[in-house]
Amino acid sequence: MNLDGAYIPAFNKSLKHKLYPIKRDFLIIGSSHNVTEIRYKIKQGCKKIFLSPIFRVSKKKNYLGLFNFRNLVSKTKIEIIALGGINEFNIKKLKISGCSGFASISHIKKNGPEINLGRFNFKYTKLN
């Protein structure tokens, strides 16, 4: 397979993929919910990590909150992408977090790809 990258979910702690040769620019992205999972993702060679949930979401009891999220972002050199509970009302708070970006699932499903931030306007691009 001629792949450009792979996604490793938070529950996957395997290092078996490191036994196989990969392209130099192969991108591994992972997800995590806490500092322990971030450490696993770093060991797995992830270059970017989705960290979630940042804000309250209907499916989960617990969420990191902006203070804890910012603290985790500041303790790693890996690019952290905010995920979970992000909407047009709280997205501006991410500017002070130090994260490299954000992702949204529910908000986009419900409202479409645009998030209005006043003078800032983001659009998502669907990858094929």
C-alpha atoms as a PDB file:
ATOM      1  CA  MET A   1       0.000   0.000   0.000  1.00  0.00           C
ATOM      2  CA  ASN A   2       1.219   3.453  -0.843  1.00  0.00           C
ATOM      3  CA  LEU A   3      -0.148   5.338   2.171  1.00  0.00           C
ATOM      4  CA  ASP A   4       0.625   8.875   3.297  1.00  0.00           C
ATOM      5  CA  GLY A   5      -0.262   8.323   6.948  1.00  0.00           C
ATOM      6  CA  ALA A   6      -2.235   6.509   9.593  1.00  0.00           C
ATOM      7  CA  TYR A   7      -4.478   7.259  12.557  1.00  0.00           C
ATOM      8  CA  ILE A   8      -3.960   5.457  15.880  1.00  0.00           C
ATOM      9  CA  PRO A   9      -6.903   5.721  18.328  1.00  0.00           C
ATOM     10  CA  ALA A  10      -6.389   6.328  22.051  1.00  0.00           C
ATOM     11  CA  PHE A  11      -7.129   2.706  23.023  1.00  0.00           C
ATOM     12  CA  ASN A  12      -4.391   1.337  20.732  1.00  0.00           C
ATOM     13  CA  LYS A  13      -1.147   0.955  22.715  1.00  0.00           C
ATOM     14  CA  SER A  14       0.650  -1.279  20.193  1.00  0.00           C
ATOM     15  CA  LEU A  15       4.124  -0.501  18.880  1.00  0.00           C
ATOM     16  CA  LYS A  16       4.027  -3.225  16.176  1.00  0.00           C
ATOM     17  CA  HIS A  17       3.729  -0.683  13.369  1.00  0.00           C
ATOM     18  CA  LYS A  18       7.288   0.469  14.167  1.00  0.00           C
ATOM     19  CA  LEU A  19       8.589  -2.883  12.887  1.00  0.00           C
ATOM     20  CA  TYR A  20       7.615  -2.037   9.294  1.00  0.00           C
ATOM     21  CA  PRO A  21       9.437   0.339   6.972  1.00  0.00           C
ATOM     22  CA  ILE A  22       7.541   3.544   6.216  1.00  0.00           C
ATOM     23  CA  LYS A  23       8.093   6.540   3.964  1.00  0.00           C
ATOM     24  CA  ARG A  24      10.118   9.381   5.436  1.00  0.00           C
ATOM     25  CA  ASP A  25       7.196  11.796   5.283  1.00  0.00           C
ATOM     26  CA  PHE A  26       4.628   9.247   6.567  1.00  0.00           C
ATOM     27  CA  LEU A  27       2.314  11.051   9.010  1.00  0.00           C
ATOM     28  CA  ILE A  28       1.025   9.265  12.100  1.00  0.00           C
ATOM     29  CA  ILE A  29      -1.812  10.986  13.944  1.00  0.00           C
ATOM     30  CA  GLY A  30      -3.207   9.758  17.246  1.00  0.00           C
ATOM     31  CA  SER A  31      -5.870  10.624  19.765  1.00  0.00           C
ATOM     32  CA  SER A  32      -5.719  10.885  23.529  1.00  0.00           C
ATOM     33  CA  HIS A  33      -7.676  12.017  26.551  1.00  0.00           C
ATOM     34  CA  ASN A  34      -4.961  12.432  29.195  1.00  0.00           C
ATOM     35  CA  VAL A  35      -1.218  12.712  29.782  1.00  0.00           C
ATOM     36  CA  THR A  36      -0.692   8.920  29.916  1.00  0.00           C
ATOM     37  CA  GLU A  37      -2.241   8.456  26.479  1.00  0.00           C
ATOM     38  CA  ILE A  38      -0.225  11.407  25.121  1.00  0.00           C
ATOM     39  CA  ARG A  39       2.970   9.621  26.246  1.00  0.00           C
ATOM     40  CA  TYR A  40       1.865   6.439  24.418  1.00  0.00           C
ATOM     41  CA  LYS A  41       1.174   8.424  21.251  1.00  0.00           C
ATOM     42  CA  ILE A  42       4.651   9.954  21.408  1.00  0.00           C
ATOM     43  CA  LYS A  43       6.189   6.466  21.797  1.00  0.00           C
ATOM     44  CA  GLN A  44       4.141   5.358  18.789  1.00  0.00           C
ATOM     45  CA  GLY A  45       5.692   8.125  16.701  1.00  0.00           C
ATOM     46  CA  CYS A  46       2.654  10.385  16.338  1.00  0.00           C
ATOM     47  CA  LYS A  47       3.419  13.809  14.894  1.00  0.00           C
ATOM     48  CA  LYS A  48      -0.015  15.224  15.760  1.00  0.00           C
ATOM     49  CA  ILE A  49      -2.468  14.280  18.503  1.00  0.00           C
ATOM     50  CA  PHE A  50      -6.178  14.958  18.846  1.00  0.00           C
ATOM     51  CA  LEU A  51      -6.812  15.734  22.523  1.00  0.00           C
ATOM     52  CA  SER A  52     -10.414  15.491  23.710  1.00  0.00           C
ATOM     53  CA  PRO A  53     -12.896  16.377  24.968  1.00  0.00           C
ATOM     54  CA  ILE A  54     -11.944  19.979  25.654  1.00  0.00           C
ATOM     55  CA  PHE A  55     -15.395  21.341  26.439  1.00  0.00           C
ATOM     56  CA  ARG A  56     -18.567  19.688  27.728  1.00  0.00           C
ATOM     57  CA  VAL A  57     -20.165  17.289  25.260  1.00  0.00           C
ATOM     58  CA  SER A  58     -23.441  15.438  25.633  1.00  0.00           C
ATOM     59  CA  LYS A  59     -21.874  11.963  25.254  1.00  0.00           C
ATOM     60  CA  LYS A  60     -19.278  12.281  28.050  1.00  0.00           C
ATOM     61  CA  LYS A  61     -19.418  13.073  31.753  1.00  0.00           C
ATOM     62  CA  ASN A  62     -15.854  14.341  31.960  1.00  0.00           C
ATOM     63  CA  TYR A  63     -14.048  16.930  29.912  1.00  0.00           C
ATOM     64  CA  LEU A  64     -10.648  18.589  30.246  1.00  0.00           C
ATOM     65  CA  GLY A  65     -11.677  22.222  30.395  1.00  0.00           C
ATOM     66  CA  LEU A  66      -9.528  25.027  29.041  1.00  0.00           C
ATOM     67  CA  PHE A  67      -7.101  25.182  32.005  1.00  0.00           C
ATOM     68  CA  ASN A  68      -6.249  21.448  31.936  1.00  0.00           C
ATOM     69  CA  PHE A  69      -6.102  21.430  28.142  1.00  0.00           C
ATOM     70  CA  ARG A  70      -3.713  24.388  28.103  1.00  0.00           C
ATOM     71  CA  ASN A  71      -1.561  22.707  30.752  1.00  0.00           C
ATOM     72  CA  LEU A  72      -1.280  19.485  28.693  1.00  0.00           C
ATOM     73  CA  VAL A  73      -0.500  21.422  25.500  1.00  0.00           C
ATOM     74  CA  SER A  74       2.295  23.322  27.248  1.00  0.00           C
ATOM     75  CA  LYS A  75       3.935  20.085  28.438  1.00  0.00           C
ATOM     76  CA  THR A  76       4.476  18.544  25.012  1.00  0.00           C
ATOM     77  CA  LYS A  77       6.289  19.484  21.832  1.00  0.00           C
ATOM     78  CA  ILE A  78       3.915  17.417  19.684  1.00  0.00           C
ATOM     79  CA  GLU A  79       1.249  19.325  17.744  1.00  0.00           C
ATOM     80  CA  ILE A  80      -2.018  19.116  19.703  1.00  0.00           C
ATOM     81  CA  ILE A  81      -5.360  19.474  17.936  1.00  0.00           C
ATOM     82  CA  ALA A  82      -8.349  20.378  20.114  1.00  0.00           C
ATOM     83  CA  LEU A  83     -11.455  18.189  19.754  1.00  0.00           C
ATOM     84  CA  GLY A  84     -14.687  17.883  21.676  1.00  0.00           C
ATOM     85  CA  GLY A  85     -17.434  20.368  22.422  1.00  0.00           C
ATOM     86  CA  ILE A  86     -15.992  23.072  20.180  1.00  0.00           C
ATOM     87  CA  ASN A  87     -18.502  25.514  18.771  1.00  0.00           C
ATOM     88  CA  GLU A  88     -18.763  29.154  17.674  1.00  0.00           C
ATOM     89  CA  PHE A  89     -19.237  30.286  21.287  1.00  0.00           C
ATOM     90  CA  ASN A  90     -16.079  28.774  22.793  1.00  0.00           C
ATOM     91  CA  ILE A  91     -13.684  28.462  19.858  1.00  0.00           C
ATOM     92  CA  LYS A  92     -12.046  31.828  20.522  1.00  0.00           C
ATOM     93  CA  LYS A  93     -10.884  30.483  23.890  1.00  0.00           C
ATOM     94  CA  LEU A  94      -8.615  28.053  22.042  1.00  0.00           C
ATOM     95  CA  LYS A  95      -6.408  30.959  20.910  1.00  0.00           C
ATOM     96  CA  ILE A  96      -4.854  31.139  24.385  1.00  0.00           C
ATOM     97  CA  SER A  97      -4.383  27.371  24.641  1.00  0.00           C
ATOM     98  CA  GLY A  98      -1.324  27.015  22.430  1.00  0.00           C
ATOM     99  CA  CYS A  99      -2.906  24.227  20.370  1.00  0.00           C
ATOM    100  CA  SER A 100      -2.003  23.929  16.699  1.00  0.00           C
ATOM    101  CA  GLY A 101      -5.587  23.626  15.511  1.00  0.00           C
ATOM    102  CA  PHE A 102      -9.048  22.300  16.189  1.00  0.00           C
ATOM    103  CA  ALA A 103     -11.479  19.762  14.832  1.00  0.00           C
ATOM    104  CA  SER A 104     -15.225  19.600  15.175  1.00  0.00           C
ATOM    105  CA  ILE A 105     -17.613  16.791  14.395  1.00  0.00           C
ATOM    106  CA  SER A 106     -21.029  17.480  15.928  1.00  0.00           C
ATOM    107  CA  HIS A 107     -21.018  21.206  15.209  1.00  0.00           C
ATOM    108  CA  ILE A 108     -20.239  20.645  11.542  1.00  0.00           C
ATOM    109  CA  LYS A 109     -22.832  17.875  11.227  1.00  0.00           C
ATOM    110  CA  LYS A 110     -25.461  20.120  12.786  1.00  0.00           C
ATOM    111  CA  ASN A 111     -24.567  23.537  11.306  1.00  0.00           C
ATOM    112  CA  GLY A 112     -22.455  22.916   8.236  1.00  0.00           C
ATOM    113  CA  PRO A 113     -18.779  23.547   7.578  1.00  0.00           C
ATOM    114  CA  GLU A 114     -18.562  27.254   8.435  1.00  0.00           C
ATOM    115  CA  ILE A 115     -17.894  28.550  11.928  1.00  0.00           C
ATOM    116  CA  ASN A 116     -18.447  32.278  12.207  1.00  0.00           C
ATOM    117  CA  LEU A 117     -15.865  33.983  14.392  1.00  0.00           C
ATOM    118  CA  GLY A 118     -16.733  37.569  13.548  1.00  0.00           C
ATOM    119  CA  ARG A 119     -13.803  38.812  11.516  1.00  0.00           C
ATOM    120  CA  PHE A 120     -12.305  35.296  11.505  1.00  0.00           C
ATOM    121  CA  ASN A 121     -14.052  32.707   9.399  1.00  0.00           C
ATOM    122  CA  PHE A 122     -12.988  29.076   9.155  1.00  0.00           C
ATOM    123  CA  LYS A 123     -14.117  26.510   6.625  1.00  0.00           C
ATOM    124  CA  TYR A 124     -13.333  22.857   6.759  1.00  0.00           C
ATOM    125  CA  THR A 125     -12.114  20.900   3.807  1.00  0.00           C
ATOM    126  CA  LYS A 126     -13.347  17.368   3.315  1.00  0.00           C
ATOM    127  CA  LEU A 127     -10.475  15.095   2.362  1.00  0.00           C
ATOM    128  CA  ASN A 128     -11.114  12.426  -0.264  1.00  0.00           C
END
